[in-house]
C-alpha atoms as a PDB file:
ATOM      1  CA  MET A   1      86.390  57.917  47.013  1.00  0.00           C
ATOM      2  CA  ALA A   2      88.391  58.356  50.220  1.00  0.00           C
ATOM      3  CA  SER A   3      88.834  55.018  52.371  1.00  0.00           C
ATOM      4  CA  ALA A   4      87.246  56.893  54.749  1.00  0.00           C
ATOM      5  CA  GLU A   5      84.057  57.314  53.403  1.00  0.00           C
ATOM      6  CA  LEU A   6      83.792  53.607  51.916  1.00  0.00           C
ATOM      7  CA  THR A   7      82.465  52.262  54.471  1.00  0.00           C
ATOM      8  CA  PRO A   8      79.445  54.590  55.465  1.00  0.00           C
ATOM      9  CA  ALA A   9      78.873  54.068  51.891  1.00  0.00           C
ATOM     10  CA  LEU A  10      78.791  50.017  51.945  1.00  0.00           C
ATOM     11  CA  ILE A  11      76.490  49.903  54.695  1.00  0.00           C
ATOM     12  CA  GLU A  12      73.546  52.298  52.852  1.00  0.00           C
ATOM     13  CA  ARG A  13      73.825  49.895  49.808  1.00  0.00           C
ATOM     14  CA  LEU A  14      73.923  46.853  52.299  1.00  0.00           C
ATOM     15  CA  TYR A  15      70.827  48.017  53.573  1.00  0.00           C
ATOM     16  CA  PRO A  16      68.764  50.692  51.571  1.00  0.00           C
ATOM     17  CA  GLY A  17      65.371  52.756  53.838  1.00  0.00           C
ATOM     18  CA  TYR A  18      67.108  52.080  56.880  1.00  0.00           C
ATOM     19  CA  ARG A  19      67.323  54.694  59.782  1.00  0.00           C
ATOM     20  CA  ILE A  20      71.982  54.178  60.067  1.00  0.00           C
ATOM     21  CA  GLU A  21      74.031  55.929  62.338  1.00  0.00           C
ATOM     22  CA  PRO A  22      77.792  55.410  63.459  1.00  0.00           C
ATOM     23  CA  ASP A  23      78.210  53.759  66.693  1.00  0.00           C
ATOM     24  CA  GLY A  24      81.589  52.692  68.109  1.00  0.00           C
ATOM     25  CA  GLN A  25      83.931  50.337  66.791  1.00  0.00           C
ATOM     26  CA  ARG A  26      84.950  46.674  67.538  1.00  0.00           C
ATOM     27  CA  ASP A  27      88.121  44.593  66.462  1.00  0.00           C
ATOM     28  CA  LEU A  28      87.113  41.779  63.897  1.00  0.00           C
ATOM     29  CA  TRP A  29      87.238  38.681  66.740  1.00  0.00           C
ATOM     30  CA  GLU A  30      84.802  40.338  68.506  1.00  0.00           C
ATOM     31  CA  ALA A  31      82.890  42.088  65.898  1.00  0.00           C
ATOM     32  CA  VAL A  32      81.820  38.703  64.377  1.00  0.00           C
ATOM     33  CA  TYR A  33      78.675  38.112  66.610  1.00  0.00           C
ATOM     34  CA  PRO A  34      77.559  41.757  67.102  1.00  0.00           C
ATOM     35  CA  PRO A  35      73.964  42.375  68.610  1.00  0.00           C
ATOM     36  CA  ASP A  36      70.565  42.899  67.393  1.00  0.00           C
ATOM     37  CA  ASP A  37      70.831  45.971  64.656  1.00  0.00           C
ATOM     38  CA  MET A  38      74.398  46.421  65.357  1.00  0.00           C
ATOM     39  CA  VAL A  39      76.936  45.649  61.839  1.00  0.00           C
ATOM     40  CA  TYR A  40      80.560  46.308  62.042  1.00  0.00           C
ATOM     41  CA  ALA A  41      81.730  47.099  58.944  1.00  0.00           C
ATOM     42  CA  LEU A  42      85.281  47.368  56.929  1.00  0.00           C
ATOM     43  CA  SER A  43      84.967  48.207  53.030  1.00  0.00           C
ATOM     44  CA  VAL A  44      88.910  49.102  52.020  1.00  0.00           C
ATOM     45  CA  PRO A  45      89.780  48.739  47.622  1.00  0.00           C
ATOM     46  CA  GLY A  46      88.744  44.668  46.601  1.00  0.00           C
ATOM     47  CA  LEU A  47      86.977  44.128  49.918  1.00  0.00           C
ATOM     48  CA  ASP A  48      83.687  44.686  51.685  1.00  0.00           C
ATOM     49  CA  LEU A  49      83.629  42.803  55.072  1.00  0.00           C
ATOM     50  CA  ALA A  50      80.143  43.335  56.736  1.00  0.00           C
ATOM     51  CA  CYS A  51      78.997  41.553  60.413  1.00  0.00           C
ATOM     52  CA  ASP A  52      75.586  41.078  60.828  1.00  0.00           C
ATOM     53  CA  ARG A  53      73.040  38.338  62.354  1.00  0.00           C
ATOM     54  CA  ARG A  54      70.399  39.673  59.680  1.00  0.00           C
ATOM     55  CA  PHE A  55      72.602  37.161  57.062  1.00  0.00           C
ATOM     56  CA  MET A  56      72.573  33.897  59.494  1.00  0.00           C
ATOM     57  CA  VAL A  57      69.761  32.853  57.204  1.00  0.00           C
ATOM     58  CA  ASP A  58      68.926  28.645  57.188  1.00  0.00           C
ATOM     59  CA  ARG A  59      69.347  28.513  53.738  1.00  0.00           C
ATOM     60  CA  PRO A  60      72.269  30.868  52.203  1.00  0.00           C
ATOM     61  CA  SER A  61      70.621  30.365  48.427  1.00  0.00           C
ATOM     62  CA  GLU A  62      67.802  32.559  50.311  1.00  0.00           C
ATOM     63  CA  LEU A  63      69.614  35.095  50.669  1.00  0.00           C
ATOM     64  CA  PRO A  64      68.421  38.861  49.557  1.00  0.00           C
ATOM     65  CA  ALA A  65      68.712  39.856  45.906  1.00  0.00           C
ATOM     66  CA  HIS A  66      69.554  43.152  46.780  1.00  0.00           C
ATOM     67  CA  LEU A  67      72.645  41.285  48.418  1.00  0.00           C
ATOM     68  CA  LEU A  68      73.363  38.770  46.372  1.00  0.00           C
ATOM     69  CA  GLN A  69      73.509  42.031  43.182  1.00  0.00           C
ATOM     70  CA  LEU A  70      76.515  43.998  45.222  1.00  0.00           C
ATOM     71  CA  GLY A  71      78.047  41.108  44.125  1.00  0.00           C
ATOM     72  CA  ALA A  72      77.737  41.183  40.845  1.00  0.00           C
ATOM     73  CA  GLY A  73      81.291  40.448  39.240  1.00  0.00           C
ATOM     74  CA  ARG A  74      82.957  39.693  42.116  1.00  0.00           C
ATOM     75  CA  ARG A  75      83.408  36.920  44.601  1.00  0.00           C
ATOM     76  CA  MET A  76      81.102  36.911  47.397  1.00  0.00           C
ATOM     77  CA  LEU A  77      81.288  34.856  50.661  1.00  0.00           C
ATOM     78  CA  LEU A  78      78.883  33.984  53.726  1.00  0.00           C
ATOM     79  CA  HIS A  79      79.817  32.348  56.925  1.00  0.00           C
ATOM     80  CA  ALA A  80      77.583  31.693  59.994  1.00  0.00           C
ATOM     81  CA  MET A  81      77.800  29.680  62.765  1.00  0.00           C
ATOM     82  CA  HIS A  82      76.092  29.206  66.566  1.00  0.00           C
ATOM     83  CA  SER A  83      77.050  27.187  69.397  1.00  0.00           C
ATOM     84  CA  VAL A  84      73.842  27.068  71.184  1.00  0.00           C
ATOM     85  CA  VAL A  85      72.460  24.404  68.731  1.00  0.00           C
ATOM     86  CA  ASP A  86      76.057  23.626  66.781  1.00  0.00           C
ATOM     87  CA  TRP A  87      74.742  25.073  63.837  1.00  0.00           C
ATOM     88  CA  LEU A  88      77.459  26.299  60.325  1.00  0.00           C
ATOM     89  CA  ALA A  89      76.256  27.341  56.976  1.00  0.00           C
ATOM     90  CA  PHE A  90      78.097  28.909  54.700  1.00  0.00           C
ATOM     91  CA  ALA A  91      78.144  30.046  50.934  1.00  0.00           C
ATOM     92  CA  ILE A  92      80.264  30.938  47.482  1.00  0.00           C
ATOM     93  CA  TRP A  93      78.673  33.015  45.164  1.00  0.00           C
ATOM     94  CA  ASP A  94      80.708  34.121  42.239  1.00  0.00           C
ATOM     95  CA  ASP A  95      79.490  36.797  40.327  1.00  0.00           C
ATOM     96  CA  GLY A  96      75.717  36.078  41.214  1.00  0.00           C
ATOM     97  CA  VAL A  97      76.070  32.231  40.849  1.00  0.00           C
ATOM     98  CA  LEU A  98      75.629  30.245  43.862  1.00  0.00           C
ATOM     99  CA  VAL A  99      79.029  27.708  43.478  1.00  0.00           C
ATOM    100  CA  ARG A 100      78.482  26.293  47.144  1.00  0.00           C
ATOM    101  CA  SER A 101      76.576  26.210  49.703  1.00  0.00           C
ATOM    102  CA  LEU A 102      76.207  23.914  52.856  1.00  0.00           C
ATOM    103  CA  SER A 103      73.581  24.462  55.921  1.00  0.00           C
ATOM    104  CA  LEU A 104      73.640  21.728  59.068  1.00  0.00           C
ATOM    105  CA  SER A 105      72.936  21.012  62.739  1.00  0.00           C
ATOM    106  CA  PRO A 106      72.408  18.012  64.562  1.00  0.00           C
ATOM    107  CA  GLY A 107      68.755  18.852  65.420  1.00  0.00           C
ATOM    108  CA  GLU A 108      68.003  19.989  61.274  1.00  0.00           C
ATOM    109  CA  GLY A 109      70.590  17.585  59.488  1.00  0.00           C
ATOM    110  CA  ILE A 110      71.435  19.300  56.294  1.00  0.00           C
ATOM    111  CA  MET A 111      68.872  22.042  55.559  1.00  0.00           C
ATOM    112  CA  GLU A 112      71.177  22.868  52.379  1.00  0.00           C
ATOM    113  CA  ASN A 113      73.572  21.040  49.972  1.00  0.00           C
ATOM    114  CA  ILE A 114      74.772  22.668  47.129  1.00  0.00           C
ATOM    115  CA  GLY A 115      77.569  22.325  44.733  1.00  0.00           C
ATOM    116  CA  ALA A 116      80.515  20.179  44.947  1.00  0.00           C
ATOM    117  CA  PRO A 117      82.419  20.392  48.272  1.00  0.00           C
ATOM    118  CA  LEU A 118      85.112  22.152  48.789  1.00  0.00           C
ATOM    119  CA  PRO A 119      88.340  20.294  49.470  1.00  0.00           C
ATOM    120  CA  PHE A 120      88.934  21.447  53.073  1.00  0.00           C
ATOM    121  CA  GLU A 121      85.478  20.206  53.810  1.00  0.00           C
ATOM    122  CA  GLU A 122      86.682  16.343  52.246  1.00  0.00           C
ATOM    123  CA  SER A 123      88.363  14.345  55.076  1.00  0.00           C
ATOM    124  CA  TYR A 124      85.198  15.507  57.321  1.00  0.00           C
ATOM    125  CA  TRP A 125      82.438  13.890  55.011  1.00  0.00           C
ATOM    126  CA  ALA A 126      84.849  11.098  54.251  1.00  0.00           C
ATOM    127  CA  GLY A 127      83.772  10.672  58.237  1.00  0.00           C
ATOM    128  CA  ALA A 128      88.181  11.658  59.866  1.00  0.00           C
ATOM    129  CA  HIS A 129      86.524  13.932  62.147  1.00  0.00           C
ATOM    130  CA  PRO A 130      83.772  12.377  64.323  1.00  0.00           C
ATOM    131  CA  VAL A 131      81.884  13.389  67.263  1.00  0.00           C
ATOM    132  CA  GLU A 132      83.273  12.015  70.327  1.00  0.00           C
ATOM    133  CA  PRO A 133      80.875  10.664  72.911  1.00  0.00           C
ATOM    134  CA  MET A 134      81.775  13.055  75.815  1.00  0.00           C
ATOM    135  CA  PRO A 135      83.406  11.352  78.776  1.00  0.00           C
ATOM    136  CA  GLY A 136      80.888  11.496  82.000  1.00  0.00           C
ATOM    137  CA  TRP A 137      77.310  11.889  80.187  1.00  0.00           C
ATOM    138  CA  PRO A 138      74.632   9.849  79.610  1.00  0.00           C
ATOM    139  CA  ALA A 139      74.715   8.123  76.256  1.00  0.00           C
ATOM    140  CA  GLU A 140      71.931   9.500  74.018  1.00  0.00           C
ATOM    141  CA  GLY A 141      72.793   7.177  70.786  1.00  0.00           C
ATOM    142  CA  PRO A 142      75.762   8.267  68.145  1.00  0.00           C
ATOM    143  CA  TYR A 143      76.244  11.897  67.049  1.00  0.00           C
ATOM    144  CA  PRO A 144      73.552  11.716  63.439  1.00  0.00           C
ATOM    145  CA  LEU A 145      75.993  14.280  61.317  1.00  0.00           C
ATOM    146  CA  PRO A 146      79.341  12.700  60.231  1.00  0.00           C
ATOM    147  CA  PHE A 147      81.576  15.504  61.916  1.00  0.00           C
ATOM    148  CA  HIS A 148      80.555  18.154  64.229  1.00  0.00           C
ATOM    149  CA  PRO A 149      79.236  21.332  62.522  1.00  0.00           C
ATOM    150  CA  LEU A 150      81.498  23.883  64.114  1.00  0.00           C
ATOM    151  CA  ASP A 151      84.858  22.214  63.770  1.00  0.00           C
ATOM    152  CA  LEU A 152      84.217  22.295  60.282  1.00  0.00           C
ATOM    153  CA  GLY A 153      82.496  25.908  60.588  1.00  0.00           C
ATOM    154  CA  GLU A 154      86.685  26.621  61.816  1.00  0.00           C
ATOM    155  CA  GLU A 155      88.170  24.989  58.720  1.00  0.00           C
ATOM    156  CA  ALA A 156      85.786  26.929  56.707  1.00  0.00           C
ATOM    157  CA  LEU A 157      86.440  30.535  58.369  1.00  0.00           C
ATOM    158  CA  ARG A 158      90.060  30.142  58.294  1.00  0.00           C
ATOM    159  CA  HIS A 159      90.139  28.824  54.727  1.00  0.00           C
ATOM    160  CA  LEU A 160      87.031  31.881  53.360  1.00  0.00           C
ATOM    161  CA  PHE A 161      88.586  34.674  55.288  1.00  0.00           C
ATOM    162  CA  GLY A 162      91.928  33.719  57.117  1.00  0.00           C
ATOM    163  CA  PHE A 163      91.485  33.257  60.557  1.00  0.00           C
ATOM    164  CA  VAL A 164      89.500  31.497  63.406  1.00  0.00           C
ATOM    165  CA  LEU A 165      87.357  32.170  66.588  1.00  0.00           C
ATOM    166  CA  GLU A 166      89.013  29.082  68.646  1.00  0.00           C
ATOM    167  CA  GLY A 167      91.439  26.758  68.432  1.00  0.00           C
ATOM    168  CA  ARG A 168      95.239  26.853  67.944  1.00  0.00           C
ATOM    169  CA  PRO A 169      96.524  29.820  65.344  1.00  0.00           C
ATOM    170  CA  GLU A 170      98.419  29.650  62.736  1.00  0.00           C
ATOM    171  CA  PRO A 171     101.290  31.962  61.791  1.00  0.00           C
ATOM    172  CA  ASN A 172      99.863  32.510  58.229  1.00  0.00           C
ATOM    173  CA  ASP A 173      95.988  33.561  59.882  1.00  0.00           C
ATOM    174  CA  VAL A 174      94.948  36.863  60.323  1.00  0.00           C
ATOM    175  CA  PRO A 175      95.431  38.462  62.728  1.00  0.00           C
ATOM    176  CA  ALA A 176      91.736  39.184  63.971  1.00  0.00           C
ATOM    177  CA  HIS A 177      92.042  41.527  67.311  1.00  0.00           C
ATOM    178  CA  GLN A 178      94.018  43.572  65.500  1.00  0.00           C
ATOM    179  CA  ILE A 179      91.819  44.867  63.009  1.00  0.00           C
ATOM    180  CA  GLY A 180      88.899  47.669  63.449  1.00  0.00           C
ATOM    181  CA  LEU A 181      85.452  47.460  61.672  1.00  0.00           C
ATOM    182  CA  PRO A 182      83.467  50.726  62.572  1.00  0.00           C
ATOM    183  CA  GLY A 183      80.417  50.154  64.323  1.00  0.00           C
ATOM    184  CA  PHE A 184      77.039  51.171  62.586  1.00  0.00           C
ATOM    185  CA  ARG A 185      73.607  50.891  64.358  1.00  0.00           C
ATOM    186  CA  VAL A 186      71.098  49.887  61.246  1.00  0.00           C
ATOM    187  CA  THR A 187      66.908  50.165  62.272  1.00  0.00           C
ATOM    188  CA  ASP A 188      63.750  49.441  60.521  1.00  0.00           C
ATOM    189  CA  PRO A 189      61.970  52.531  60.967  1.00  0.00           C
ATOM    190  CA  THR A 190      58.377  50.576  60.486  1.00  0.00           C
ATOM    191  CA  GLY A 191      59.652  48.693  63.559  1.00  0.00           C
ATOM    192  CA  ALA A 192      58.670  45.787  61.560  1.00  0.00           C
ATOM    193  CA  GLU A 193      61.408  44.137  61.561  1.00  0.00           C
ATOM    194  CA  GLN A 194      62.113  44.613  65.439  1.00  0.00           C
ATOM    195  CA  ALA A 195      57.632  43.665  66.454  1.00  0.00           C
ATOM    196  CA  GLN A 196      58.814  40.162  63.173  1.00  0.00           C
ATOM    197  CA  ARG A 197      62.087  39.432  65.478  1.00  0.00           C
ATOM    198  CA  GLU A 198      60.175  39.622  69.050  1.00  0.00           C
ATOM    199  CA  ALA A 199      57.105  37.726  67.637  1.00  0.00           C
ATOM    200  CA  SER A 200      60.213  35.016  66.659  1.00  0.00           C
ATOM    201  CA  LEU A 201      61.316  34.837  70.017  1.00  0.00           C
ATOM    202  CA  GLN A 202      58.517  34.037  71.309  1.00  0.00           C
ATOM    203  CA  ALA A 203      57.136  31.548  69.605  1.00  0.00           C
ATOM    204  CA  ALA A 204      60.635  29.678  70.373  1.00  0.00           C
ATOM    205  CA  ARG A 205      60.237  30.769  73.786  1.00  0.00           C
ATOM    206  CA  GLU A 206      56.382  28.841  73.741  1.00  0.00           C
ATOM    207  CA  THR A 207      57.816  25.656  72.548  1.00  0.00           C
ATOM    208  CA  MET A 208      60.616  25.056  73.838  1.00  0.00           C
ATOM    209  CA  GLY A 209      61.159  22.352  76.774  1.00  0.00           C
ATOM    210  CA  GLN A 210      61.771  22.505  80.098  1.00  0.00           C
ATOM    211  CA  PRO A 211      65.044  23.158  81.248  1.00  0.00           C
ATOM    212  CA  ARG A 212      67.073  20.536  82.594  1.00  0.00           C
ATOM    213  CA  PHE A 213      70.183  20.617  85.108  1.00  0.00           C
ATOM    214  CA  PHE A 214      73.304  18.129  85.259  1.00  0.00           C
ATOM    215  CA  GLN A 215      76.328  18.078  87.881  1.00  0.00           C
ATOM    216  CA  TYR A 216      79.073  16.171  87.866  1.00  0.00           C
ATOM    217  CA  ARG A 217      78.728  13.005  90.259  1.00  0.00           C
ATOM    218  CA  ASP A 218      81.289  10.214  90.511  1.00  0.00           C
ATOM    219  CA  GLY A 219      82.948  10.821  87.162  1.00  0.00           C
ATOM    220  CA  ARG A 220      79.825  11.445  85.432  1.00  0.00           C
ATOM    221  CA  MET A 221      77.687  13.808  84.770  1.00  0.00           C
ATOM    222  CA  VAL A 222      73.968  12.962  86.086  1.00  0.00           C
ATOM    223  CA  GLU A 223      70.588  14.655  85.589  1.00  0.00           C
ATOM    224  CA  VAL A 224      69.058  16.574  88.594  1.00  0.00           C
ATOM    225  CA  SER A 225      66.573  18.754  90.086  1.00  0.00           C
ATOM    226  CA  LEU A 226      66.468  22.856  90.155  1.00  0.00           C
ATOM    227  CA  ASP A 227      66.114  21.856  94.124  1.00  0.00           C
ATOM    228  CA  ASP A 228      69.126  19.519  94.175  1.00  0.00           C
ATOM    229  CA  LEU A 229      71.305  22.606  92.666  1.00  0.00           C
END
């Protein structure tokens, strides 16, 4: 199969029964967090890569079975972060067998921790990267985790995929801005996936507390009302 055919063929395998339409291109740095129903992917000999928010599951061990089957005889990696809730998840499967999975956030704690920590994790668990209080913000107690998930997430991204999204690039990092990924609009023709997504969003709106507003005054952040803004 020619290289130009490999990526569409990968999308067909990842999303059986879905409606698939080619839709533009983004570089790797931009493609890691696509909009709903968009997938950015690349398939070349020896490597399949797909960026899709559908893969952002709280517990990587619950990834759908058909995706794990695609990793038979190969190493498969998953990486997901969400800065709004300081959430990180990453996982490694060897020939379909889960060997390492970690998912955690300050709000939910450690949701999954399977397998031995990888070498790049060790200093984080040892307390070498504590979260320091932000100057000026009101004290709300110590950070509930021994490190910030997004800090470890960038380290995991570099060690597993060879590039970072934030922080200082290193000489051997993959030039993510220079790697183009074709885009595909991938939709559930029954509409069930879209309806479930909207229902989850509505449920989150209903349980969300009232917004809080802060301003920087006299060297510290103070909570204010909307009328004060």
